[in-house]
Amino acid sequence: MLASARKAFGGSLLSFEAMWPEFFIQIATHLGSSLVSPDCGIYGVIETGHWGDTEHEDALTTFLAGCFEDGLLQDGTVAQSETQRRTIWQLREDADVIESPNGPCLSYDVGLRLHDIPG
């Protein structure tokens, strides 16, 4: 799906983030969010550099619909406001809210250079 997103959005693809189900379900439950189904194999956040541009939002919706038709996507949502955009990112970024009650934890993100991703 990343290769398809890169092809569809080129340089305007700002983020392509993945979250494992256990992580996502704990965060979504803690935050009381029900934006997407709790029964997905992996969760993702895609952000492009054209927030608020109706034509580009249509392109994102078309891209996601194609992924759904190809069986790459089970469920999804497109942010309809800045508040909803922040809520989606909060699901990705607030790991400390589920870890800190259990004591100190080591938090990390793994980043890859674009040319290393195909491998």
PDB file of N, CA and C in Angstrom:
ATOM      1  N   MET A   1       0.817  -1.187   0.000  1.00  0.00           N
ATOM      2  CA  MET A   1       0.000   0.000   0.000  1.00  0.00           C
ATOM      3  C   MET A   1       0.865   1.257   0.000  1.00  0.00           C
ATOM      4  N   LEU A   2       2.029   1.201   0.647  1.00  0.00           N
ATOM      5  CA  LEU A   2       2.916   2.358   0.653  1.00  0.00           C
ATOM      6  C   LEU A   2       3.349   2.706  -0.761  1.00  0.00           C
ATOM      7  N   ALA A   3       3.713   1.709  -1.552  1.00  0.00           N
ATOM      8  CA  ALA A   3       4.139   1.981  -2.929  1.00  0.00           C
ATOM      9  C   ALA A   3       3.007   2.651  -3.712  1.00  0.00           C
ATOM     10  N   SER A   4       1.792   2.196  -3.501  1.00  0.00           N
ATOM     11  CA  SER A   4       0.636   2.795  -4.184  1.00  0.00           C
ATOM     12  C   SER A   4       0.430   4.244  -3.732  1.00  0.00           C
ATOM     13  N   ALA A   5       0.587   4.499  -2.440  1.00  0.00           N
ATOM     14  CA  ALA A   5       0.428   5.860  -1.917  1.00  0.00           C
ATOM     15  C   ALA A   5       1.513   6.773  -2.463  1.00  0.00           C
ATOM     16  N   ARG A   6       2.740   6.277  -2.532  1.00  0.00           N
ATOM     17  CA  ARG A   6       3.829   7.086  -3.086  1.00  0.00           C
ATOM     18  C   ARG A   6       3.570   7.416  -4.548  1.00  0.00           C
ATOM     19  N   LYS A   7       3.043   6.446  -5.281  1.00  0.00           N
ATOM     20  CA  LYS A   7       2.733   6.665  -6.692  1.00  0.00           C
ATOM     21  C   LYS A   7       1.585   7.669  -6.844  1.00  0.00           C
ATOM     22  N   ALA A   8       0.571   7.545  -6.016  1.00  0.00           N
ATOM     23  CA  ALA A   8      -0.608   8.412  -6.108  1.00  0.00           C
ATOM     24  C   ALA A   8      -0.323   9.846  -5.673  1.00  0.00           C
ATOM     25  N   PHE A   9       0.528  10.033  -4.655  1.00  0.00           N
ATOM     26  CA  PHE A   9       0.692  11.364  -4.070  1.00  0.00           C
ATOM     27  C   PHE A   9       2.077  11.963  -4.241  1.00  0.00           C
ATOM     28  N   GLY A  10       3.038  11.175  -4.674  1.00  0.00           N
ATOM     29  CA  GLY A  10       4.385  11.703  -4.916  1.00  0.00           C
ATOM     30  C   GLY A  10       4.929  12.440  -3.711  1.00  0.00           C
ATOM     31  N   GLY A  11       5.472  13.619  -3.951  1.00  0.00           N
ATOM     32  CA  GLY A  11       6.086  14.421  -2.901  1.00  0.00           C
ATOM     33  C   GLY A  11       5.119  14.986  -1.888  1.00  0.00           C
ATOM     34  N   SER A  12       3.820  14.897  -2.150  1.00  0.00           N
ATOM     35  CA  SER A  12       2.859  15.416  -1.173  1.00  0.00           C
ATOM     36  C   SER A  12       2.509  14.385  -0.096  1.00  0.00           C
ATOM     37  N   LEU A  13       3.073  13.155  -0.199  1.00  0.00           N
ATOM     38  CA  LEU A  13       2.877  12.156   0.852  1.00  0.00           C
ATOM     39  C   LEU A  13       3.821  12.499   2.003  1.00  0.00           C
ATOM     40  N   LEU A  14       3.272  12.987   3.104  1.00  0.00           N
ATOM     41  CA  LEU A  14       4.081  13.433   4.236  1.00  0.00           C
ATOM     42  C   LEU A  14       4.334  12.330   5.248  1.00  0.00           C
ATOM     43  N   SER A  15       3.341  11.474   5.486  1.00  0.00           N
ATOM     44  CA  SER A  15       3.470  10.411   6.485  1.00  0.00           C
ATOM     45  C   SER A  15       2.725   9.177   6.050  1.00  0.00           C
ATOM     46  N   PHE A  16       3.325   8.042   6.406  1.00  0.00           N
ATOM     47  CA  PHE A  16       2.686   6.747   6.225  1.00  0.00           C
ATOM     48  C   PHE A  16       3.084   5.953   7.458  1.00  0.00           C
ATOM     49  N   GLU A  17       2.196   5.891   8.427  1.00  0.00           N
ATOM     50  CA  GLU A  17       2.490   5.309   9.730  1.00  0.00           C
ATOM     51  C   GLU A  17       1.702   4.015   9.924  1.00  0.00           C
ATOM     52  N   ALA A  18       2.305   3.061  10.611  1.00  0.00           N
ATOM     53  CA  ALA A  18       1.638   1.785  10.888  1.00  0.00           C
ATOM     54  C   ALA A  18       1.549   1.559  12.392  1.00  0.00           C
ATOM     55  N   MET A  19       0.436   0.942  12.814  1.00  0.00           N
ATOM     56  CA  MET A  19       0.224   0.606  14.219  1.00  0.00           C
ATOM     57  C   MET A  19      -0.306  -0.820  14.300  1.00  0.00           C
ATOM     58  N   TRP A  20       0.240  -1.597  15.209  1.00  0.00           N
ATOM     59  CA  TRP A  20      -0.217  -2.965  15.409  1.00  0.00           C
ATOM     60  C   TRP A  20      -1.543  -2.944  16.153  1.00  0.00           C
ATOM     61  N   PRO A  21      -2.379  -3.970  15.939  1.00  0.00           N
ATOM     62  CA  PRO A  21      -3.729  -3.990  16.537  1.00  0.00           C
ATOM     63  C   PRO A  21      -3.751  -3.825  18.051  1.00  0.00           C
ATOM     64  N   GLU A  22      -2.870  -4.515  18.764  1.00  0.00           N
ATOM     65  CA  GLU A  22      -2.880  -4.430  20.228  1.00  0.00           C
ATOM     66  C   GLU A  22      -2.665  -2.987  20.692  1.00  0.00           C
ATOM     67  N   PHE A  23      -1.718  -2.302  20.064  1.00  0.00           N
ATOM     68  CA  PHE A  23      -1.428  -0.906  20.384  1.00  0.00           C
ATOM     69  C   PHE A  23      -2.644  -0.038  20.069  1.00  0.00           C
ATOM     70  N   PHE A  24      -3.146  -0.155  18.845  1.00  0.00           N
ATOM     71  CA  PHE A  24      -4.256   0.689  18.408  1.00  0.00           C
ATOM     72  C   PHE A  24      -5.488   0.504  19.288  1.00  0.00           C
ATOM     73  N   ILE A  25      -5.838  -0.735  19.582  1.00  0.00           N
ATOM     74  CA  ILE A  25      -7.048  -1.002  20.365  1.00  0.00           C
ATOM     75  C   ILE A  25      -6.922  -0.436  21.778  1.00  0.00           C
ATOM     76  N   GLN A  26      -5.742  -0.564  22.394  1.00  0.00           N
ATOM     77  CA  GLN A  26      -5.546   0.006  23.732  1.00  0.00           C
ATOM     78  C   GLN A  26      -5.676   1.522  23.707  1.00  0.00           C
ATOM     79  N   ILE A  27      -5.044   2.169  22.745  1.00  0.00           N
ATOM     80  CA  ILE A  27      -5.107   3.638  22.641  1.00  0.00           C
ATOM     81  C   ILE A  27      -6.539   4.080  22.347  1.00  0.00           C
ATOM     82  N   ALA A  28      -7.186   3.451  21.363  1.00  0.00           N
ATOM     83  CA  ALA A  28      -8.543   3.842  20.986  1.00  0.00           C
ATOM     84  C   ALA A  28      -9.510   3.652  22.151  1.00  0.00           C
ATOM     85  N   THR A  29      -9.354   2.563  22.885  1.00  0.00           N
ATOM     86  CA  THR A  29     -10.212   2.313  24.046  1.00  0.00           C
ATOM     87  C   THR A  29      -9.983   3.381  25.107  1.00  0.00           C
ATOM     88  N   HIS A  30      -8.718   3.678  25.391  1.00  0.00           N
ATOM     89  CA  HIS A  30      -8.387   4.686  26.398  1.00  0.00           C
ATOM     90  C   HIS A  30      -8.946   6.061  26.014  1.00  0.00           C
ATOM     91  N   LEU A  31      -8.844   6.418  24.732  1.00  0.00           N
ATOM     92  CA  LEU A  31      -9.292   7.733  24.272  1.00  0.00           C
ATOM     93  C   LEU A  31     -10.784   7.759  23.938  1.00  0.00           C
ATOM     94  N   GLY A  32     -11.438   6.585  23.947  1.00  0.00           N
ATOM     95  CA  GLY A  32     -12.856   6.519  23.620  1.00  0.00           C
ATOM     96  C   GLY A  32     -13.133   6.785  22.151  1.00  0.00           C
ATOM     97  N   SER A  33     -12.207   6.397  21.285  1.00  0.00           N
ATOM     98  CA  SER A  33     -12.345   6.645  19.857  1.00  0.00           C
ATOM     99  C   SER A  33     -12.913   5.431  19.135  1.00  0.00           C
ATOM    100  N   SER A  34     -13.797   5.692  18.185  1.00  0.00           N
ATOM    101  CA  SER A  34     -14.344   4.610  17.368  1.00  0.00           C
ATOM    102  C   SER A  34     -14.329   5.006  15.894  1.00  0.00           C
ATOM    103  N   LEU A  35     -13.228   5.624  15.456  1.00  0.00           N
ATOM    104  CA  LEU A  35     -13.134   6.088  14.069  1.00  0.00           C
ATOM    105  C   LEU A  35     -13.140   4.947  13.063  1.00  0.00           C
ATOM    106  N   VAL A  36     -12.515   3.837  13.410  1.00  0.00           N
ATOM    107  CA  VAL A  36     -12.474   2.686  12.501  1.00  0.00           C
ATOM    108  C   VAL A  36     -12.715   1.409  13.286  1.00  0.00           C
ATOM    109  N   SER A  37     -12.921   0.339  12.553  1.00  0.00           N
ATOM    110  CA  SER A  37     -13.218  -0.964  13.135  1.00  0.00           C
ATOM    111  C   SER A  37     -12.088  -1.457  14.042  1.00  0.00           C
ATOM    112  N   PRO A  38     -12.433  -2.127  15.151  1.00  0.00           N
ATOM    113  CA  PRO A  38     -11.387  -2.684  16.018  1.00  0.00           C
ATOM    114  C   PRO A  38     -10.888  -4.052  15.546  1.00  0.00           C
ATOM    115  N   ASP A  39     -11.264  -4.480  14.363  1.00  0.00           N
ATOM    116  CA  ASP A  39     -10.926  -5.819  13.882  1.00  0.00           C
ATOM    117  C   ASP A  39     -10.021  -5.811  12.656  1.00  0.00           C
ATOM    118  N   CYS A  40      -9.049  -4.925  12.603  1.00  0.00           N
ATOM    119  CA  CYS A  40      -8.155  -4.846  11.449  1.00  0.00           C
ATOM    120  C   CYS A  40      -6.811  -5.495  11.778  1.00  0.00           C
ATOM    121  N   GLY A  41      -6.111  -5.979  10.763  1.00  0.00           N
ATOM    122  CA  GLY A  41      -4.821  -6.637  10.948  1.00  0.00           C
ATOM    123  C   GLY A  41      -3.711  -5.664  11.280  1.00  0.00           C
ATOM    124  N   ILE A  42      -3.775  -4.465  10.744  1.00  0.00           N
ATOM    125  CA  ILE A  42      -2.808  -3.405  11.032  1.00  0.00           C
ATOM    126  C   ILE A  42      -3.516  -2.086  10.756  1.00  0.00           C
ATOM    127  N   TYR A  43      -3.123  -1.053  11.463  1.00  0.00           N
ATOM    128  CA  TYR A  43      -3.754   0.251  11.323  1.00  0.00           C
ATOM    129  C   TYR A  43      -2.734   1.220  10.748  1.00  0.00           C
ATOM    130  N   GLY A  44      -3.211   2.173   9.968  1.00  0.00           N
ATOM    131  CA  GLY A  44      -2.293   3.123   9.358  1.00  0.00           C
ATOM    132  C   GLY A  44      -2.835   4.533   9.370  1.00  0.00           C
ATOM    133  N   VAL A  45      -1.905   5.468   9.277  1.00  0.00           N
ATOM    134  CA  VAL A  45      -2.234   6.882   9.144  1.00  0.00           C
ATOM    135  C   VAL A  45      -1.469   7.389   7.933  1.00  0.00           C
ATOM    136  N   ILE A  46      -2.190   7.965   7.003  1.00  0.00           N
ATOM    137  CA  ILE A  46      -1.578   8.580   5.828  1.00  0.00           C
ATOM    138  C   ILE A  46      -1.873  10.066   5.901  1.00  0.00           C
ATOM    139  N   GLU A  47      -0.834  10.876   5.736  1.00  0.00           N
ATOM    140  CA  GLU A  47      -1.055  12.322   5.680  1.00  0.00           C
ATOM    141  C   GLU A  47      -0.354  12.869   4.449  1.00  0.00           C
ATOM    142  N   THR A  48      -1.083  13.741   3.779  1.00  0.00           N
ATOM    143  CA  THR A  48      -0.530  14.388   2.599  1.00  0.00           C
ATOM    144  C   THR A  48      -0.432  15.884   2.848  1.00  0.00           C
ATOM    145  N   GLY A  49       0.251  16.574   1.994  1.00  0.00           N
ATOM    146  CA  GLY A  49       0.500  17.998   2.195  1.00  0.00           C
ATOM    147  C   GLY A  49      -0.547  18.919   1.625  1.00  0.00           C
ATOM    148  N   HIS A  50      -1.766  18.439   1.452  1.00  0.00           N
ATOM    149  CA  HIS A  50      -2.800  19.266   0.845  1.00  0.00           C
ATOM    150  C   HIS A  50      -4.041  19.371   1.712  1.00  0.00           C
ATOM    151  N   TRP A  51      -3.884  19.528   3.020  1.00  0.00           N
ATOM    152  CA  TRP A  51      -5.020  19.588   3.922  1.00  0.00           C
ATOM    153  C   TRP A  51      -5.927  20.756   3.532  1.00  0.00           C
ATOM    154  N   GLY A  52      -7.224  20.487   3.451  1.00  0.00           N
ATOM    155  CA  GLY A  52      -8.202  21.528   3.165  1.00  0.00           C
ATOM    156  C   GLY A  52      -8.465  21.748   1.687  1.00  0.00           C
ATOM    157  N   ASP A  53      -7.710  21.118   0.818  1.00  0.00           N
ATOM    158  CA  ASP A  53      -7.887  21.244  -0.623  1.00  0.00           C
ATOM    159  C   ASP A  53      -8.907  20.191  -1.060  1.00  0.00           C
ATOM    160  N   THR A  54     -10.102  20.639  -1.438  1.00  0.00           N
ATOM    161  CA  THR A  54     -11.190  19.713  -1.773  1.00  0.00           C
ATOM    162  C   THR A  54     -10.799  18.742  -2.874  1.00  0.00           C
ATOM    163  N   GLU A  55     -10.122  19.220  -3.901  1.00  0.00           N
ATOM    164  CA  GLU A  55      -9.714  18.339  -5.001  1.00  0.00           C
ATOM    165  C   GLU A  55      -8.783  17.243  -4.495  1.00  0.00           C
ATOM    166  N   HIS A  56      -7.865  17.614  -3.602  1.00  0.00           N
ATOM    167  CA  HIS A  56      -6.933  16.617  -3.079  1.00  0.00           C
ATOM    168  C   HIS A  56      -7.631  15.657  -2.115  1.00  0.00           C
ATOM    169  N   GLU A  57      -8.568  16.157  -1.323  1.00  0.00           N
ATOM    170  CA  GLU A  57      -9.329  15.268  -0.438  1.00  0.00           C
ATOM    171  C   GLU A  57     -10.107  14.243  -1.259  1.00  0.00           C
ATOM    172  N   ASP A  58     -10.627  14.663  -2.410  1.00  0.00           N
ATOM    173  CA  ASP A  58     -11.304  13.719  -3.306  1.00  0.00           C
ATOM    174  C   ASP A  58     -10.317  12.675  -3.817  1.00  0.00           C
ATOM    175  N   ALA A  59      -9.085  13.098  -4.122  1.00  0.00           N
ATOM    176  CA  ALA A  59      -8.057  12.163  -4.591  1.00  0.00           C
ATOM    177  C   ALA A  59      -7.720  11.155  -3.492  1.00  0.00           C
ATOM    178  N   LEU A  60      -7.653  11.611  -2.240  1.00  0.00           N
ATOM    179  CA  LEU A  60      -7.380  10.701  -1.131  1.00  0.00           C
ATOM    180  C   LEU A  60      -8.527   9.703  -0.963  1.00  0.00           C
ATOM    181  N   THR A  61      -9.748  10.188  -1.038  1.00  0.00           N
ATOM    182  CA  THR A  61     -10.907   9.311  -0.930  1.00  0.00           C
ATOM    183  C   THR A  61     -10.909   8.286  -2.064  1.00  0.00           C
ATOM    184  N   THR A  62     -10.587   8.725  -3.272  1.00  0.00           N
ATOM    185  CA  THR A  62     -10.512   7.815  -4.418  1.00  0.00           C
ATOM    186  C   THR A  62      -9.415   6.780  -4.213  1.00  0.00           C
ATOM    187  N   PHE A  63      -8.255   7.212  -3.708  1.00  0.00           N
ATOM    188  CA  PHE A  63      -7.154   6.296  -3.432  1.00  0.00           C
ATOM    189  C   PHE A  63      -7.575   5.232  -2.418  1.00  0.00           C
ATOM    190  N   LEU A  64      -8.192   5.665  -1.326  1.00  0.00           N
ATOM    191  CA  LEU A  64      -8.621   4.724  -0.286  1.00  0.00           C
ATOM    192  C   LEU A  64      -9.703   3.783  -0.808  1.00  0.00           C
ATOM    193  N   ALA A  65     -10.603   4.276  -1.642  1.00  0.00           N
ATOM    194  CA  ALA A  65     -11.638   3.423  -2.232  1.00  0.00           C
ATOM    195  C   ALA A  65     -10.998   2.349  -3.110  1.00  0.00           C
ATOM    196  N   GLY A  66      -9.964   2.722  -3.879  1.00  0.00           N
ATOM    197  CA  GLY A  66      -9.246   1.750  -4.694  1.00  0.00           C
ATOM    198  C   GLY A  66      -8.571   0.691  -3.841  1.00  0.00           C
ATOM    199  N   CYS A  67      -7.980   1.105  -2.725  1.00  0.00           N
ATOM    200  CA  CYS A  67      -7.347   0.146  -1.804  1.00  0.00           C
ATOM    201  C   CYS A  67      -8.394  -0.799  -1.218  1.00  0.00           C
ATOM    202  N   PHE A  68      -9.565  -0.269  -0.909  1.00  0.00           N
ATOM    203  CA  PHE A  68     -10.653  -1.103  -0.397  1.00  0.00           C
ATOM    204  C   PHE A  68     -11.079  -2.128  -1.446  1.00  0.00           C
ATOM    205  N   GLU A  69     -11.247  -1.675  -2.688  1.00  0.00           N
ATOM    206  CA  GLU A  69     -11.656  -2.571  -3.775  1.00  0.00           C
ATOM    207  C   GLU A  69     -10.609  -3.649  -4.043  1.00  0.00           C
ATOM    208  N   ASP A  70      -9.323  -3.306  -3.869  1.00  0.00           N
ATOM    209  CA  ASP A  70      -8.236  -4.262  -4.103  1.00  0.00           C
ATOM    210  C   ASP A  70      -8.004  -5.196  -2.909  1.00  0.00           C
ATOM    211  N   GLY A  71      -8.780  -5.018  -1.833  1.00  0.00           N
ATOM    212  CA  GLY A  71      -8.641  -5.870  -0.661  1.00  0.00           C
ATOM    213  C   GLY A  71      -7.482  -5.481   0.250  1.00  0.00           C
ATOM    214  N   LEU A  72      -6.920  -4.280   0.058  1.00  0.00           N
ATOM    215  CA  LEU A  72      -5.812  -3.826   0.902  1.00  0.00           C
ATOM    216  C   LEU A  72      -6.296  -3.082   2.135  1.00  0.00           C
ATOM    217  N   LEU A  73      -7.559  -2.736   2.165  1.00  0.00           N
ATOM    218  CA  LEU A  73      -8.111  -1.900   3.219  1.00  0.00           C
ATOM    219  C   LEU A  73      -9.454  -2.462   3.659  1.00  0.00           C
ATOM    220  N   GLN A  74      -9.654  -2.587   4.981  1.00  0.00           N
ATOM    221  CA  GLN A  74     -10.922  -3.064   5.522  1.00  0.00           C
ATOM    222  C   GLN A  74     -11.845  -1.929   5.920  1.00  0.00           C
ATOM    223  N   ASP A  75     -11.269  -0.849   6.402  1.00  0.00           N
ATOM    224  CA  ASP A  75     -12.057   0.247   6.945  1.00  0.00           C
ATOM    225  C   ASP A  75     -11.185   1.489   6.884  1.00  0.00           C
ATOM    226  N   GLY A  76     -11.781   2.642   6.991  1.00  0.00           N
ATOM    227  CA  GLY A  76     -10.983   3.858   6.991  1.00  0.00           C
ATOM    228  C   GLY A  76     -11.838   5.084   7.200  1.00  0.00           C
ATOM    229  N   THR A  77     -11.166   6.176   7.433  1.00  0.00           N
ATOM    230  CA  THR A  77     -11.837   7.459   7.583  1.00  0.00           C
ATOM    231  C   THR A  77     -10.903   8.544   7.063  1.00  0.00           C
ATOM    232  N   VAL A  78     -11.478   9.592   6.548  1.00  0.00           N
ATOM    233  CA  VAL A  78     -10.721  10.757   6.098  1.00  0.00           C
ATOM    234  C   VAL A  78     -11.133  11.905   7.008  1.00  0.00           C
ATOM    235  N   ALA A  79     -10.162  12.558   7.610  1.00  0.00           N
ATOM    236  CA  ALA A  79     -10.455  13.671   8.515  1.00  0.00           C
ATOM    237  C   ALA A  79     -11.267  14.739   7.791  1.00  0.00           C
ATOM    238  N   GLN A  80     -12.327  15.185   8.433  1.00  0.00           N
ATOM    239  CA  GLN A  80     -13.191  16.212   7.859  1.00  0.00           C
ATOM    240  C   GLN A  80     -12.973  17.583   8.498  1.00  0.00           C
ATOM    241  N   SER A  81     -12.084  17.633   9.481  1.00  0.00           N
ATOM    242  CA  SER A  81     -11.789  18.901  10.157  1.00  0.00           C
ATOM    243  C   SER A  81     -10.401  18.802  10.785  1.00  0.00           C
ATOM    244  N   GLU A  82      -9.871  19.922  11.188  1.00  0.00           N
ATOM    245  CA  GLU A  82      -8.573  19.927  11.872  1.00  0.00           C
ATOM    246  C   GLU A  82      -8.672  19.175  13.197  1.00  0.00           C
ATOM    247  N   THR A  83      -9.797  19.282  13.879  1.00  0.00           N
ATOM    248  CA  THR A  83      -9.996  18.570  15.139  1.00  0.00           C
ATOM    249  C   THR A  83      -9.946  17.058  14.911  1.00  0.00           C
ATOM    250  N   GLN A  84     -10.621  16.588  13.864  1.00  0.00           N
ATOM    251  CA  GLN A  84     -10.598  15.162  13.579  1.00  0.00           C
ATOM    252  C   GLN A  84      -9.194  14.716  13.150  1.00  0.00           C
ATOM    253  N   ARG A  85      -8.484  15.549  12.407  1.00  0.00           N
ATOM    254  CA  ARG A  85      -7.098  15.240  12.021  1.00  0.00           C
ATOM    255  C   ARG A  85      -6.239  15.057  13.267  1.00  0.00           C
ATOM    256  N   ARG A  86      -6.379  15.954  14.240  1.00  0.00           N
ATOM    257  CA  ARG A  86      -5.602  15.847  15.488  1.00  0.00           C
ATOM    258  C   ARG A  86      -5.987  14.599  16.274  1.00  0.00           C
ATOM    259  N   THR A  87      -7.273  14.242  16.267  1.00  0.00           N
ATOM    260  CA  THR A  87      -7.723  13.029  16.956  1.00  0.00           C
ATOM    261  C   THR A  87      -7.071  11.796  16.346  1.00  0.00           C
ATOM    262  N   ILE A  88      -7.001  11.742  15.026  1.00  0.00           N
ATOM    263  CA  ILE A  88      -6.359  10.610  14.352  1.00  0.00           C
ATOM    264  C   ILE A  88      -4.893  10.528  14.747  1.00  0.00           C
ATOM    265  N   TRP A  89      -4.184  11.660  14.743  1.00  0.00           N
ATOM    266  CA  TRP A  89      -2.772  11.640  15.132  1.00  0.00           C
ATOM    267  C   TRP A  89      -2.594  11.323  16.607  1.00  0.00           C
ATOM    268  N   GLN A  90      -3.559  11.705  17.448  1.00  0.00           N
ATOM    269  CA  GLN A  90      -3.469  11.377  18.867  1.00  0.00           C
ATOM    270  C   GLN A  90      -3.477   9.866  19.063  1.00  0.00           C
ATOM    271  N   LEU A  91      -4.247   9.154  18.238  1.00  0.00           N
ATOM    272  CA  LEU A  91      -4.259   7.689  18.299  1.00  0.00           C
ATOM    273  C   LEU A  91      -2.873   7.122  18.013  1.00  0.00           C
ATOM    274  N   ARG A  92      -2.111   7.785  17.188  1.00  0.00           N
ATOM    275  CA  ARG A  92      -0.775   7.316  16.827  1.00  0.00           C
ATOM    276  C   ARG A  92       0.277   7.721  17.862  1.00  0.00           C
ATOM    277  N   GLU A  93       0.122   8.897  18.437  1.00  0.00           N
ATOM    278  CA  GLU A  93       1.204   9.494  19.223  1.00  0.00           C
ATOM    279  C   GLU A  93       1.082   9.370  20.730  1.00  0.00           C
ATOM    280  N   ASP A  94      -0.042   8.933  21.259  1.00  0.00           N
ATOM    281  CA  ASP A  94      -0.249   8.945  22.707  1.00  0.00           C
ATOM    282  C   ASP A  94       0.020   7.621  23.399  1.00  0.00           C
ATOM    283  N   ALA A  95       1.074   6.944  23.019  1.00  0.00           N
ATOM    284  CA  ALA A  95       1.409   5.655  23.639  1.00  0.00           C
ATOM    285  C   ALA A  95       1.645   5.781  25.139  1.00  0.00           C
ATOM    286  N   ASP A  96       2.138   6.918  25.577  1.00  0.00           N
ATOM    287  CA  ASP A  96       2.440   7.080  26.997  1.00  0.00           C
ATOM    288  C   ASP A  96       1.201   6.982  27.876  1.00  0.00           C
ATOM    289  N   VAL A  97       0.015   7.270  27.348  1.00  0.00           N
ATOM    290  CA  VAL A  97      -1.187   7.204  28.174  1.00  0.00           C
ATOM    291  C   VAL A  97      -1.548   5.778  28.565  1.00  0.00           C
ATOM    292  N   ILE A  98      -1.093   4.794  27.798  1.00  0.00           N
ATOM    293  CA  ILE A  98      -1.367   3.408  28.180  1.00  0.00           C
ATOM    294  C   ILE A  98      -0.176   2.765  28.864  1.00  0.00           C
ATOM    295  N   GLU A  99       1.000   3.312  28.689  1.00  0.00           N
ATOM    296  CA  GLU A  99       2.203   2.731  29.284  1.00  0.00           C
ATOM    297  C   GLU A  99       2.526   3.305  30.663  1.00  0.00           C
ATOM    298  N   SER A 100       2.332   4.589  30.860  1.00  0.00           N
ATOM    299  CA  SER A 100       2.771   5.221  32.103  1.00  0.00           C
ATOM    300  C   SER A 100       2.111   4.664  33.369  1.00  0.00           C
ATOM    301  N   PRO A 101       0.855   4.204  33.368  1.00  0.00           N
ATOM    302  CA  PRO A 101       0.306   3.615  34.594  1.00  0.00           C
ATOM    303  C   PRO A 101       1.041   2.347  35.030  1.00  0.00           C
ATOM    304  N   ASN A 102       1.772   1.711  34.129  1.00  0.00           N
ATOM    305  CA  ASN A 102       2.518   0.495  34.439  1.00  0.00           C
ATOM    306  C   ASN A 102       3.942   0.774  34.896  1.00  0.00           C
ATOM    307  N   GLY A 103       4.274   2.040  35.112  1.00  0.00           N
ATOM    308  CA  GLY A 103       5.623   2.405  35.515  1.00  0.00           C
ATOM    309  C   GLY A 103       6.430   2.902  34.332  1.00  0.00           C
ATOM    310  N   PRO A 104       7.726   3.147  34.556  1.00  0.00           N
ATOM    311  CA  PRO A 104       8.575   3.666  33.475  1.00  0.00           C
ATOM    312  C   PRO A 104       8.592   2.702  32.284  1.00  0.00           C
ATOM    313  N   CYS A 105       8.648   3.287  31.104  1.00  0.00           N
ATOM    314  CA  CYS A 105       8.707   2.456  29.899  1.00  0.00           C
ATOM    315  C   CYS A 105       9.650   3.094  28.886  1.00  0.00           C
ATOM    316  N   LEU A 106      10.159   2.283  28.015  1.00  0.00           N
ATOM    317  CA  LEU A 106      11.010   2.751  26.931  1.00  0.00           C
ATOM    318  C   LEU A 106      10.148   2.862  25.687  1.00  0.00           C
ATOM    319  N   SER A 107      10.040   4.054  25.144  1.00  0.00           N
ATOM    320  CA  SER A 107       9.230   4.278  23.957  1.00  0.00           C
ATOM    321  C   SER A 107      10.156   4.541  22.780  1.00  0.00           C
ATOM    322  N   TYR A 108       9.801   4.017  21.628  1.00  0.00           N
ATOM    323  CA  TYR A 108      10.641   4.229  20.455  1.00  0.00           C
ATOM    324  C   TYR A 108       9.798   4.221  19.187  1.00  0.00           C
ATOM    325  N   ASP A 109      10.306   4.872  18.191  1.00  0.00           N
ATOM    326  CA  ASP A 109       9.747   4.824  16.843  1.00  0.00           C
ATOM    327  C   ASP A 109      10.839   4.309  15.934  1.00  0.00           C
ATOM    328  N   VAL A 110      10.452   3.549  14.947  1.00  0.00           N
ATOM    329  CA  VAL A 110      11.399   3.060  13.969  1.00  0.00           C
ATOM    330  C   VAL A 110      11.180   3.854  12.694  1.00  0.00           C
ATOM    331  N   GLY A 111      12.223   4.451  12.183  1.00  0.00           N
ATOM    332  CA  GLY A 111      12.144   5.202  10.939  1.00  0.00           C
ATOM    333  C   GLY A 111      13.044   4.565   9.896  1.00  0.00           C
ATOM    334  N   LEU A 112      12.584   4.582   8.667  1.00  0.00           N
ATOM    335  CA  LEU A 112      13.369   4.026   7.570  1.00  0.00           C
ATOM    336  C   LEU A 112      13.580   5.086   6.501  1.00  0.00           C
ATOM    337  N   ARG A 113      14.759   5.051   5.875  1.00  0.00           N
ATOM    338  CA  ARG A 113      14.991   5.918   4.729  1.00  0.00           C
ATOM    339  C   ARG A 113      14.137   5.394   3.580  1.00  0.00           C
ATOM    340  N   LEU A 114      13.635   6.306   2.745  1.00  0.00           N
ATOM    341  CA  LEU A 114      12.745   5.898   1.671  1.00  0.00           C
ATOM    342  C   LEU A 114      13.350   4.797   0.786  1.00  0.00           C
ATOM    343  N   HIS A 115      14.630   4.896   0.475  1.00  0.00           N
ATOM    344  CA  HIS A 115      15.211   3.896  -0.431  1.00  0.00           C
ATOM    345  C   HIS A 115      15.370   2.533   0.237  1.00  0.00           C
ATOM    346  N   ASP A 116      15.244   2.453   1.580  1.00  0.00           N
ATOM    347  CA  ASP A 116      15.329   1.174   2.282  1.00  0.00           C
ATOM    348  C   ASP A 116      13.979   0.466   2.424  1.00  0.00           C
ATOM    349  N   ILE A 117      12.883   1.184   2.193  1.00  0.00           N
ATOM    350  CA  ILE A 117      11.559   0.624   2.433  1.00  0.00           C
ATOM    351  C   ILE A 117      11.243  -0.572   1.539  1.00  0.00           C
ATOM    352  N   PRO A 118      11.550  -0.555   0.248  1.00  0.00           N
ATOM    353  CA  PRO A 118      11.201  -1.734  -0.575  1.00  0.00           C
ATOM    354  C   PRO A 118      11.836  -3.032  -0.052  1.00  0.00           C
ATOM    355  N   GLY A 119      13.019  -2.952   0.537  1.00  0.00           N
ATOM    356  CA  GLY A 119      13.692  -4.136   1.072  1.00  0.00           C
ATOM    357  C   GLY A 119      13.067  -4.634   2.338  1.00  0.00           C
TER     358      GLY A 119
END
